[in-house]
């Protein structure tokens, strides 16, 4: 197998991972993995121990973080964003009907 990357159009950057400072917000949900911070019983919220409702709050924090990062970075392709990435009719695969 060859490890060469597929050819790209001149002047267009290859797609792949791109760095954006908004991606640092995705580290916030990882704080939930530090179990000693929340491995306690009190305070209770509606009779639910802190251990459980803290995890539920962090589910919302994680979803919110991913939504914010997606919203802020979805239009930063690094290349020409005016063209849609679509196939022309001639490039569509018609299966074995050709």
PDB file of N, CA and C in Angstrom:
ATOM      1  N   UNK A   1       0.823  -1.174   0.000  1.00  0.00           N
ATOM      2  CA  UNK A   1       0.000   0.000   0.000  1.00  0.00           C
ATOM      3  C   UNK A   1       0.864   1.234   0.000  1.00  0.00           C
ATOM      4  N   UNK A   2       0.471   2.186  -0.766  1.00  0.00           N
ATOM      5  CA  UNK A   2       1.230   3.422  -0.819  1.00  0.00           C
ATOM      6  C   UNK A   2       0.675   4.406   0.189  1.00  0.00           C
ATOM      7  N   UNK A   3       1.546   5.190   0.773  1.00  0.00           N
ATOM      8  CA  UNK A   3       1.116   6.157   1.774  1.00  0.00           C
ATOM      9  C   UNK A   3       0.990   7.552   1.180  1.00  0.00           C
ATOM     10  N   UNK A   4       0.989   7.640  -0.142  1.00  0.00           N
ATOM     11  CA  UNK A   4       0.872   8.944  -0.790  1.00  0.00           C
ATOM     12  C   UNK A   4      -0.540   9.486  -0.630  1.00  0.00           C
ATOM     13  N   UNK A   5      -0.622  10.798  -0.473  1.00  0.00           N
ATOM     14  CA  UNK A   5      -1.933  11.420  -0.332  1.00  0.00           C
ATOM     15  C   UNK A   5      -2.558  11.601  -1.710  1.00  0.00           C
ATOM     16  N   UNK A   6      -3.878  11.625  -1.781  1.00  0.00           N
ATOM     17  CA  UNK A   6      -4.526  11.790  -3.072  1.00  0.00           C
ATOM     18  C   UNK A   6      -4.235  13.161  -3.651  1.00  0.00           C
ATOM     19  N   UNK A   7      -4.208  13.258  -4.978  1.00  0.00           N
ATOM     20  CA  UNK A   7      -3.896  14.547  -5.597  1.00  0.00           C
ATOM     21  C   UNK A   7      -5.004  15.563  -5.313  1.00  0.00           C
ATOM     22  N   UNK A   8      -4.583  16.812  -5.191  1.00  0.00           N
ATOM     23  CA  UNK A   8      -5.543  17.887  -4.956  1.00  0.00           C
ATOM     24  C   UNK A   8      -5.428  18.906  -6.071  1.00  0.00           C
ATOM     25  N   UNK A   9      -6.441  19.730  -6.182  1.00  0.00           N
ATOM     26  CA  UNK A   9      -6.417  20.774  -7.197  1.00  0.00           C
ATOM     27  C   UNK A   9      -5.345  21.793  -6.829  1.00  0.00           C
ATOM     28  N   UNK A  10      -4.730  22.428  -7.822  1.00  0.00           N
ATOM     29  CA  UNK A  10      -3.726  23.447  -7.515  1.00  0.00           C
ATOM     30  C   UNK A  10      -4.362  24.601  -6.742  1.00  0.00           C
ATOM     31  N   UNK A  11      -3.670  25.066  -5.729  1.00  0.00           N
ATOM     32  CA  UNK A  11      -4.160  26.177  -4.933  1.00  0.00           C
ATOM     33  C   UNK A  11      -5.160  25.779  -3.861  1.00  0.00           C
ATOM     34  N   UNK A  12      -5.467  24.507  -3.752  1.00  0.00           N
ATOM     35  CA  UNK A  12      -6.432  24.049  -2.750  1.00  0.00           C
ATOM     36  C   UNK A  12      -5.706  23.180  -1.726  1.00  0.00           C
ATOM     37  N   UNK A  13      -5.932  23.471  -0.462  1.00  0.00           N
ATOM     38  CA  UNK A  13      -5.303  22.693   0.594  1.00  0.00           C
ATOM     39  C   UNK A  13      -6.000  21.356   0.738  1.00  0.00           C
ATOM     40  N   UNK A  14      -5.258  20.291   1.057  1.00  0.00           N
ATOM     41  CA  UNK A  14      -5.902  18.996   1.273  1.00  0.00           C
ATOM     42  C   UNK A  14      -6.774  19.046   2.529  1.00  0.00           C
ATOM     43  N   UNK A  15      -7.869  18.302   2.487  1.00  0.00           N
ATOM     44  CA  UNK A  15      -8.745  18.284   3.652  1.00  0.00           C
ATOM     45  C   UNK A  15      -8.130  17.406   4.733  1.00  0.00           C
ATOM     46  N   UNK A  16      -8.525  17.637   5.951  1.00  0.00           N
ATOM     47  CA  UNK A  16      -8.000  16.877   7.070  1.00  0.00           C
ATOM     48  C   UNK A  16      -8.193  17.664   8.341  1.00  0.00           C
ATOM     49  N   UNK A  17      -7.394  17.382   9.328  1.00  0.00           N
ATOM     50  CA  UNK A  17      -7.502  18.088  10.586  1.00  0.00           C
ATOM     51  C   UNK A  17      -6.989  19.510  10.431  1.00  0.00           C
ATOM     52  N   UNK A  18      -7.744  20.437  10.974  1.00  0.00           N
ATOM     53  CA  UNK A  18      -7.341  21.840  10.946  1.00  0.00           C
ATOM     54  C   UNK A  18      -7.396  22.376  12.365  1.00  0.00           C
ATOM     55  N   UNK A  19      -6.421  23.187  12.726  1.00  0.00           N
ATOM     56  CA  UNK A  19      -6.354  23.738  14.071  1.00  0.00           C
ATOM     57  C   UNK A  19      -7.185  25.007  14.143  1.00  0.00           C
ATOM     58  N   UNK A  20      -7.920  25.131  15.225  1.00  0.00           N
ATOM     59  CA  UNK A  20      -8.671  26.329  15.524  1.00  0.00           C
ATOM     60  C   UNK A  20      -8.694  26.462  17.045  1.00  0.00           C
ATOM     61  N   UNK A  21      -8.553  27.679  17.537  1.00  0.00           N
ATOM     62  CA  UNK A  21      -8.504  27.865  18.984  1.00  0.00           C
ATOM     63  C   UNK A  21      -9.829  27.505  19.657  1.00  0.00           C
ATOM     64  N   UNK A  22     -10.927  27.481  18.918  1.00  0.00           N
ATOM     65  CA  UNK A  22     -12.215  27.057  19.489  1.00  0.00           C
ATOM     66  C   UNK A  22     -12.172  25.592  19.923  1.00  0.00           C
ATOM     67  N   UNK A  23     -11.291  24.811  19.333  1.00  0.00           N
ATOM     68  CA  UNK A  23     -11.196  23.388  19.687  1.00  0.00           C
ATOM     69  C   UNK A  23     -10.759  23.182  21.136  1.00  0.00           C
ATOM     70  N   UNK A  24     -10.131  24.175  21.742  1.00  0.00           N
ATOM     71  CA  UNK A  24      -9.723  24.053  23.145  1.00  0.00           C
ATOM     72  C   UNK A  24     -10.939  23.922  24.062  1.00  0.00           C
ATOM     73  N   UNK A  25     -12.086  24.419  23.616  1.00  0.00           N
ATOM     74  CA  UNK A  25     -13.306  24.300  24.412  1.00  0.00           C
ATOM     75  C   UNK A  25     -13.719  22.837  24.578  1.00  0.00           C
ATOM     76  N   UNK A  26     -13.257  21.962  23.688  1.00  0.00           N
ATOM     77  CA  UNK A  26     -13.586  20.543  23.793  1.00  0.00           C
ATOM     78  C   UNK A  26     -12.862  19.860  24.955  1.00  0.00           C
ATOM     79  N   UNK A  27     -11.898  20.543  25.558  1.00  0.00           N
ATOM     80  CA  UNK A  27     -11.226  19.992  26.732  1.00  0.00           C
ATOM     81  C   UNK A  27     -12.078  20.135  27.989  1.00  0.00           C
ATOM     82  N   UNK A  28     -13.029  21.039  27.980  1.00  0.00           N
ATOM     83  CA  UNK A  28     -13.873  21.277  29.153  1.00  0.00           C
ATOM     84  C   UNK A  28     -14.631  20.030  29.619  1.00  0.00           C
ATOM     85  N   UNK A  29     -15.272  19.250  28.728  1.00  0.00           N
ATOM     86  CA  UNK A  29     -15.957  18.048  29.211  1.00  0.00           C
ATOM     87  C   UNK A  29     -15.022  16.991  29.802  1.00  0.00           C
ATOM     88  N   UNK A  30     -13.741  17.066  29.510  1.00  0.00           N
ATOM     89  CA  UNK A  30     -12.793  16.094  30.075  1.00  0.00           C
ATOM     90  C   UNK A  30     -12.596  16.287  31.574  1.00  0.00           C
ATOM     91  N   UNK A  31     -12.998  17.433  32.108  1.00  0.00           N
ATOM     92  CA  UNK A  31     -12.897  17.658  33.554  1.00  0.00           C
ATOM     93  C   UNK A  31     -13.766  16.679  34.327  1.00  0.00           C
ATOM     94  N   UNK A  32     -14.796  16.139  33.677  1.00  0.00           N
ATOM     95  CA  UNK A  32     -15.663  15.187  34.342  1.00  0.00           C
ATOM     96  C   UNK A  32     -14.919  13.889  34.675  1.00  0.00           C
ATOM     97  N   UNK A  33     -13.825  13.640  34.015  1.00  0.00           N
ATOM     98  CA  UNK A  33     -13.081  12.405  34.247  1.00  0.00           C
ATOM     99  C   UNK A  33     -12.280  12.425  35.543  1.00  0.00           C
ATOM    100  N   UNK A  34     -12.162  13.576  36.181  1.00  0.00           N
ATOM    101  CA  UNK A  34     -11.432  13.683  37.442  1.00  0.00           C
ATOM    102  C   UNK A  34     -12.410  13.340  38.568  1.00  0.00           C
ATOM    103  N   UNK A  35     -12.603  12.061  38.789  1.00  0.00           N
ATOM    104  CA  UNK A  35     -13.614  11.551  39.712  1.00  0.00           C
ATOM    105  C   UNK A  35     -13.456  12.048  41.155  1.00  0.00           C
ATOM    106  N   UNK A  36     -12.266  12.192  41.711  1.00  0.00           N
ATOM    107  CA  UNK A  36     -12.179  12.654  43.106  1.00  0.00           C
ATOM    108  C   UNK A  36     -12.809  14.030  43.342  1.00  0.00           C
ATOM    109  N   UNK A  37     -12.960  14.838  42.299  1.00  0.00           N
ATOM    110  CA  UNK A  37     -13.577  16.152  42.466  1.00  0.00           C
ATOM    111  C   UNK A  37     -15.050  16.043  42.812  1.00  0.00           C
ATOM    112  N   UNK A  38     -15.721  14.996  42.373  1.00  0.00           N
ATOM    113  CA  UNK A  38     -17.172  14.927  42.573  1.00  0.00           C
ATOM    114  C   UNK A  38     -17.624  13.619  43.214  1.00  0.00           C
ATOM    115  N   UNK A  39     -16.725  12.886  43.803  1.00  0.00           N
ATOM    116  CA  UNK A  39     -17.069  11.621  44.441  1.00  0.00           C
ATOM    117  C   UNK A  39     -17.539  11.864  45.878  1.00  0.00           C
ATOM    118  N   UNK A  40     -18.651  12.622  45.994  1.00  0.00           N
ATOM    119  CA  UNK A  40     -19.214  12.951  47.299  1.00  0.00           C
ATOM    120  C   UNK A  40     -20.731  12.791  47.233  1.00  0.00           C
ATOM    121  N   UNK A  41     -21.364  12.753  48.394  1.00  0.00           N
ATOM    122  CA  UNK A  41     -22.805  12.531  48.474  1.00  0.00           C
ATOM    123  C   UNK A  41     -23.588  13.841  48.549  1.00  0.00           C
ATOM    124  N   UNK A  42     -23.033  14.827  49.244  1.00  0.00           N
ATOM    125  CA  UNK A  42     -23.749  16.087  49.448  1.00  0.00           C
ATOM    126  C   UNK A  42     -23.104  17.173  48.632  1.00  0.00           C
ATOM    127  N   UNK A  43     -23.788  18.157  48.151  1.00  0.00           N
ATOM    128  CA  UNK A  43     -25.192  18.493  48.345  1.00  0.00           C
ATOM    129  C   UNK A  43     -26.095  17.656  47.447  1.00  0.00           C
ATOM    130  N   UNK A  44     -27.273  17.408  47.930  1.00  0.00           N
ATOM    131  CA  UNK A  44     -28.266  16.662  47.156  1.00  0.00           C
ATOM    132  C   UNK A  44     -29.190  17.640  46.448  1.00  0.00           C
ATOM    133  N   UNK A  45     -29.634  17.269  45.274  1.00  0.00           N
ATOM    134  CA  UNK A  45     -30.547  18.100  44.489  1.00  0.00           C
ATOM    135  C   UNK A  45     -31.793  17.275  44.232  1.00  0.00           C
ATOM    136  N   UNK A  46     -32.873  17.587  44.927  1.00  0.00           N
ATOM    137  CA  UNK A  46     -34.100  16.811  44.791  1.00  0.00           C
ATOM    138  C   UNK A  46     -33.935  15.383  45.266  1.00  0.00           C
ATOM    139  N   UNK A  47     -33.070  15.165  46.232  1.00  0.00           N
ATOM    140  CA  UNK A  47     -32.839  13.827  46.753  1.00  0.00           C
ATOM    141  C   UNK A  47     -31.797  13.044  45.974  1.00  0.00           C
ATOM    142  N   UNK A  48     -31.289  13.606  44.883  1.00  0.00           N
ATOM    143  CA  UNK A  48     -30.282  12.926  44.060  1.00  0.00           C
ATOM    144  C   UNK A  48     -28.895  13.324  44.563  1.00  0.00           C
ATOM    145  N   UNK A  49     -28.026  12.354  44.866  1.00  0.00           N
ATOM    146  CA  UNK A  49     -26.674  12.679  45.345  1.00  0.00           C
ATOM    147  C   UNK A  49     -25.886  13.481  44.315  1.00  0.00           C
ATOM    148  N   UNK A  50     -24.974  14.300  44.823  1.00  0.00           N
ATOM    149  CA  UNK A  50     -24.139  15.163  43.989  1.00  0.00           C
ATOM    150  C   UNK A  50     -23.438  14.383  42.883  1.00  0.00           C
ATOM    151  N   UNK A  51     -22.961  13.187  43.191  1.00  0.00           N
ATOM    152  CA  UNK A  51     -22.234  12.365  42.232  1.00  0.00           C
ATOM    153  C   UNK A  51     -23.014  12.177  40.933  1.00  0.00           C
ATOM    154  N   UNK A  52     -24.333  11.976  41.041  1.00  0.00           N
ATOM    155  CA  UNK A  52     -25.145  11.699  39.865  1.00  0.00           C
ATOM    156  C   UNK A  52     -25.558  12.967  39.127  1.00  0.00           C
ATOM    157  N   UNK A  53     -26.016  13.993  39.859  1.00  0.00           N
ATOM    158  CA  UNK A  53     -26.468  15.166  39.124  1.00  0.00           C
ATOM    159  C   UNK A  53     -25.309  15.954  38.538  1.00  0.00           C
ATOM    160  N   UNK A  54     -24.133  15.846  39.101  1.00  0.00           N
ATOM    161  CA  UNK A  54     -22.944  16.471  38.516  1.00  0.00           C
ATOM    162  C   UNK A  54     -22.639  15.848  37.146  1.00  0.00           C
ATOM    163  N   UNK A  55     -22.775  14.533  37.038  1.00  0.00           N
ATOM    164  CA  UNK A  55     -22.543  13.865  35.759  1.00  0.00           C
ATOM    165  C   UNK A  55     -23.580  14.288  34.728  1.00  0.00           C
ATOM    166  N   UNK A  56     -24.827  14.427  35.150  1.00  0.00           N
ATOM    167  CA  UNK A  56     -25.866  14.867  34.217  1.00  0.00           C
ATOM    168  C   UNK A  56     -25.621  16.291  33.738  1.00  0.00           C
ATOM    169  N   UNK A  57     -25.155  17.148  34.633  1.00  0.00           N
ATOM    170  CA  UNK A  57     -24.820  18.519  34.230  1.00  0.00           C
ATOM    171  C   UNK A  57     -23.687  18.501  33.213  1.00  0.00           C
ATOM    172  N   UNK A  58     -22.706  17.628  33.423  1.00  0.00           N
ATOM    173  CA  UNK A  58     -21.583  17.588  32.493  1.00  0.00           C
ATOM    174  C   UNK A  58     -21.968  16.995  31.135  1.00  0.00           C
ATOM    175  N   UNK A  59     -23.013  16.220  31.064  1.00  0.00           N
ATOM    176  CA  UNK A  59     -23.521  15.798  29.748  1.00  0.00           C
ATOM    177  C   UNK A  59     -23.981  17.034  28.985  1.00  0.00           C
ATOM    178  N   UNK A  60     -24.699  17.916  29.659  1.00  0.00           N
ATOM    179  CA  UNK A  60     -25.145  19.161  29.016  1.00  0.00           C
ATOM    180  C   UNK A  60     -23.966  20.071  28.663  1.00  0.00           C
ATOM    181  N   UNK A  61     -22.973  20.124  29.540  1.00  0.00           N
ATOM    182  CA  UNK A  61     -21.769  20.911  29.257  1.00  0.00           C
ATOM    183  C   UNK A  61     -21.052  20.360  28.021  1.00  0.00           C
ATOM    184  N   UNK A  62     -20.953  19.037  27.919  1.00  0.00           N
ATOM    185  CA  UNK A  62     -20.296  18.417  26.763  1.00  0.00           C
ATOM    186  C   UNK A  62     -21.042  18.689  25.472  1.00  0.00           C
ATOM    187  N   UNK A  63     -22.368  18.547  25.502  1.00  0.00           N
ATOM    188  CA  UNK A  63     -23.170  18.815  24.304  1.00  0.00           C
ATOM    189  C   UNK A  63     -23.054  20.285  23.924  1.00  0.00           C
ATOM    190  N   UNK A  64     -23.121  21.156  24.916  1.00  0.00           N
ATOM    191  CA  UNK A  64     -22.988  22.589  24.637  1.00  0.00           C
ATOM    192  C   UNK A  64     -21.631  22.941  24.062  1.00  0.00           C
ATOM    193  N   UNK A  65     -20.577  22.329  24.576  1.00  0.00           N
ATOM    194  CA  UNK A  65     -19.229  22.586  24.069  1.00  0.00           C
ATOM    195  C   UNK A  65     -19.086  22.153  22.617  1.00  0.00           C
ATOM    196  N   UNK A  66     -19.578  20.974  22.305  1.00  0.00           N
ATOM    197  CA  UNK A  66     -19.491  20.476  20.924  1.00  0.00           C
ATOM    198  C   UNK A  66     -20.315  21.365  20.001  1.00  0.00           C
ATOM    199  N   UNK A  67     -21.489  21.801  20.438  1.00  0.00           N
ATOM    200  CA  UNK A  67     -22.341  22.657  19.607  1.00  0.00           C
ATOM    201  C   UNK A  67     -21.659  23.998  19.337  1.00  0.00           C
ATOM    202  N   UNK A  68     -21.065  24.590  20.373  1.00  0.00           N
ATOM    203  CA  UNK A  68     -20.391  25.879  20.188  1.00  0.00           C
ATOM    204  C   UNK A  68     -19.212  25.740  19.233  1.00  0.00           C
ATOM    205  N   UNK A  69     -18.391  24.706  19.418  1.00  0.00           N
ATOM    206  CA  UNK A  69     -17.224  24.508  18.549  1.00  0.00           C
ATOM    207  C   UNK A  69     -17.672  24.245  17.118  1.00  0.00           C
ATOM    208  N   UNK A  70     -18.704  23.443  16.934  1.00  0.00           N
ATOM    209  CA  UNK A  70     -19.205  23.183  15.589  1.00  0.00           C
ATOM    210  C   UNK A  70     -19.715  24.464  14.939  1.00  0.00           C
ATOM    211  N   UNK A  71     -20.480  25.241  15.677  1.00  0.00           N
ATOM    212  CA  UNK A  71     -21.041  26.479  15.131  1.00  0.00           C
ATOM    213  C   UNK A  71     -19.941  27.467  14.761  1.00  0.00           C
ATOM    214  N   UNK A  72     -18.932  27.588  15.595  1.00  0.00           N
ATOM    215  CA  UNK A  72     -17.890  28.587  15.353  1.00  0.00           C
ATOM    216  C   UNK A  72     -16.868  28.145  14.307  1.00  0.00           C
ATOM    217  N   UNK A  73     -16.768  26.849  14.016  1.00  0.00           N
ATOM    218  CA  UNK A  73     -15.724  26.388  13.088  1.00  0.00           C
ATOM    219  C   UNK A  73     -16.262  25.769  11.814  1.00  0.00           C
ATOM    220  N   UNK A  74     -17.554  25.692  11.612  1.00  0.00           N
ATOM    221  CA  UNK A  74     -18.066  24.978  10.437  1.00  0.00           C
ATOM    222  C   UNK A  74     -17.782  25.677   9.122  1.00  0.00           C
ATOM    223  N   UNK A  75     -17.561  26.969   9.135  1.00  0.00           N
ATOM    224  CA  UNK A  75     -17.314  27.697   7.889  1.00  0.00           C
ATOM    225  C   UNK A  75     -15.848  28.006   7.663  1.00  0.00           C
ATOM    226  N   UNK A  76     -14.967  27.458   8.461  1.00  0.00           N
ATOM    227  CA  UNK A  76     -13.541  27.704   8.279  1.00  0.00           C
ATOM    228  C   UNK A  76     -12.910  26.505   7.603  1.00  0.00           C
ATOM    229  N   UNK A  77     -13.035  26.433   6.282  1.00  0.00           N
ATOM    230  CA  UNK A  77     -12.502  25.281   5.565  1.00  0.00           C
ATOM    231  C   UNK A  77     -11.041  25.471   5.182  1.00  0.00           C
ATOM    232  N   UNK A  78     -10.540  26.693   5.247  1.00  0.00           N
ATOM    233  CA  UNK A  78      -9.153  26.926   4.902  1.00  0.00           C
ATOM    234  C   UNK A  78      -8.942  27.100   3.413  1.00  0.00           C
ATOM    235  N   UNK A  79      -9.911  26.812   2.611  1.00  0.00           N
ATOM    236  CA  UNK A  79      -9.802  26.960   1.170  1.00  0.00           C
ATOM    237  C   UNK A  79     -10.889  27.867   0.654  1.00  0.00           C
ATOM    238  N   UNK A  80     -11.265  27.649  -0.577  1.00  0.00           N
ATOM    239  CA  UNK A  80     -12.302  28.460  -1.191  1.00  0.00           C
ATOM    240  C   UNK A  80     -13.658  27.958  -0.715  1.00  0.00           C
ATOM    241  N   UNK A  81     -14.391  28.786   0.016  1.00  0.00           N
ATOM    242  CA  UNK A  81     -15.679  28.358   0.564  1.00  0.00           C
ATOM    243  C   UNK A  81     -16.840  28.727  -0.335  1.00  0.00           C
ATOM    244  N   UNK A  82     -16.556  29.382  -1.461  1.00  0.00           N
ATOM    245  CA  UNK A  82     -17.658  29.792  -2.328  1.00  0.00           C
ATOM    246  C   UNK A  82     -18.205  28.631  -3.150  1.00  0.00           C
ATOM    247  N   UNK A  83     -17.393  27.620  -3.399  1.00  0.00           N
ATOM    248  CA  UNK A  83     -17.837  26.479  -4.202  1.00  0.00           C
ATOM    249  C   UNK A  83     -18.378  25.383  -3.296  1.00  0.00           C
ATOM    250  N   UNK A  84     -19.476  24.821  -3.684  1.00  0.00           N
ATOM    251  CA  UNK A  84     -20.012  23.683  -2.941  1.00  0.00           C
ATOM    252  C   UNK A  84     -19.228  22.436  -3.341  1.00  0.00           C
ATOM    253  N   UNK A  85     -19.047  21.531  -2.432  1.00  0.00           N
ATOM    254  CA  UNK A  85     -18.326  20.296  -2.705  1.00  0.00           C
ATOM    255  C   UNK A  85     -19.331  19.258  -3.193  1.00  0.00           C
ATOM    256  N   UNK A  86     -19.687  19.360  -4.461  1.00  0.00           N
ATOM    257  CA  UNK A  86     -20.691  18.468  -5.027  1.00  0.00           C
ATOM    258  C   UNK A  86     -20.178  17.862  -6.322  1.00  0.00           C
ATOM    259  N   UNK A  87     -20.718  16.721  -6.658  1.00  0.00           N
ATOM    260  CA  UNK A  87     -20.372  16.066  -7.906  1.00  0.00           C
ATOM    261  C   UNK A  87     -21.241  16.615  -9.028  1.00  0.00           C
ATOM    262  N   UNK A  88     -20.681  16.658 -10.199  1.00  0.00           N
ATOM    263  CA  UNK A  88     -21.511  17.028 -11.340  1.00  0.00           C
ATOM    264  C   UNK A  88     -22.300  15.796 -11.781  1.00  0.00           C
ATOM    265  N   UNK A  89     -23.244  15.993 -12.659  1.00  0.00           N
ATOM    266  CA  UNK A  89     -24.074  14.896 -13.130  1.00  0.00           C
ATOM    267  C   UNK A  89     -23.211  13.841 -13.827  1.00  0.00           C
ATOM    268  N   UNK A  90     -22.169  14.254 -14.509  1.00  0.00           N
ATOM    269  CA  UNK A  90     -21.305  13.305 -15.217  1.00  0.00           C
ATOM    270  C   UNK A  90     -20.474  12.445 -14.255  1.00  0.00           C
ATOM    271  N   UNK A  91     -20.263  12.920 -13.042  1.00  0.00           N
ATOM    272  CA  UNK A  91     -19.456  12.183 -12.079  1.00  0.00           C
ATOM    273  C   UNK A  91     -20.269  11.226 -11.221  1.00  0.00           C
ATOM    274  N   UNK A  92     -21.559  11.255 -11.315  1.00  0.00           N
ATOM    275  CA  UNK A  92     -22.408  10.391 -10.482  1.00  0.00           C
ATOM    276  C   UNK A  92     -22.249   8.933 -10.894  1.00  0.00           C
ATOM    277  N   UNK A  93     -22.232   8.063  -9.925  1.00  0.00           N
ATOM    278  CA  UNK A  93     -22.088   6.650 -10.179  1.00  0.00           C
ATOM    279  C   UNK A  93     -23.451   6.058 -10.501  1.00  0.00           C
ATOM    280  N   UNK A  94     -23.566   5.456 -11.664  1.00  0.00           N
ATOM    281  CA  UNK A  94     -24.829   4.866 -12.062  1.00  0.00           C
ATOM    282  C   UNK A  94     -24.815   3.347 -11.896  1.00  0.00           C
ATOM    283  N   UNK A  95     -23.865   2.852 -11.181  1.00  0.00           N
ATOM    284  CA  UNK A  95     -23.772   1.417 -10.980  1.00  0.00           C
ATOM    285  C   UNK A  95     -23.347   0.710 -12.262  1.00  0.00           C
ATOM    286  N   UNK A  96     -23.954  -0.437 -12.551  1.00  0.00           N
ATOM    287  CA  UNK A  96     -23.589  -1.213 -13.738  1.00  0.00           C
ATOM    288  C   UNK A  96     -24.393  -0.811 -14.960  1.00  0.00           C
ATOM    289  N   UNK A  97     -25.172   0.254 -14.866  1.00  0.00           N
ATOM    290  CA  UNK A  97     -25.988   0.682 -15.994  1.00  0.00           C
ATOM    291  C   UNK A  97     -25.161   1.339 -17.072  1.00  0.00           C
ATOM    292  N   UNK A  98     -23.929   1.716 -16.782  1.00  0.00           N
ATOM    293  CA  UNK A  98     -23.080   2.364 -17.787  1.00  0.00           C
ATOM    294  C   UNK A  98     -22.800   1.410 -18.865  1.00  0.00           C
TER     295      UNK A  98
END
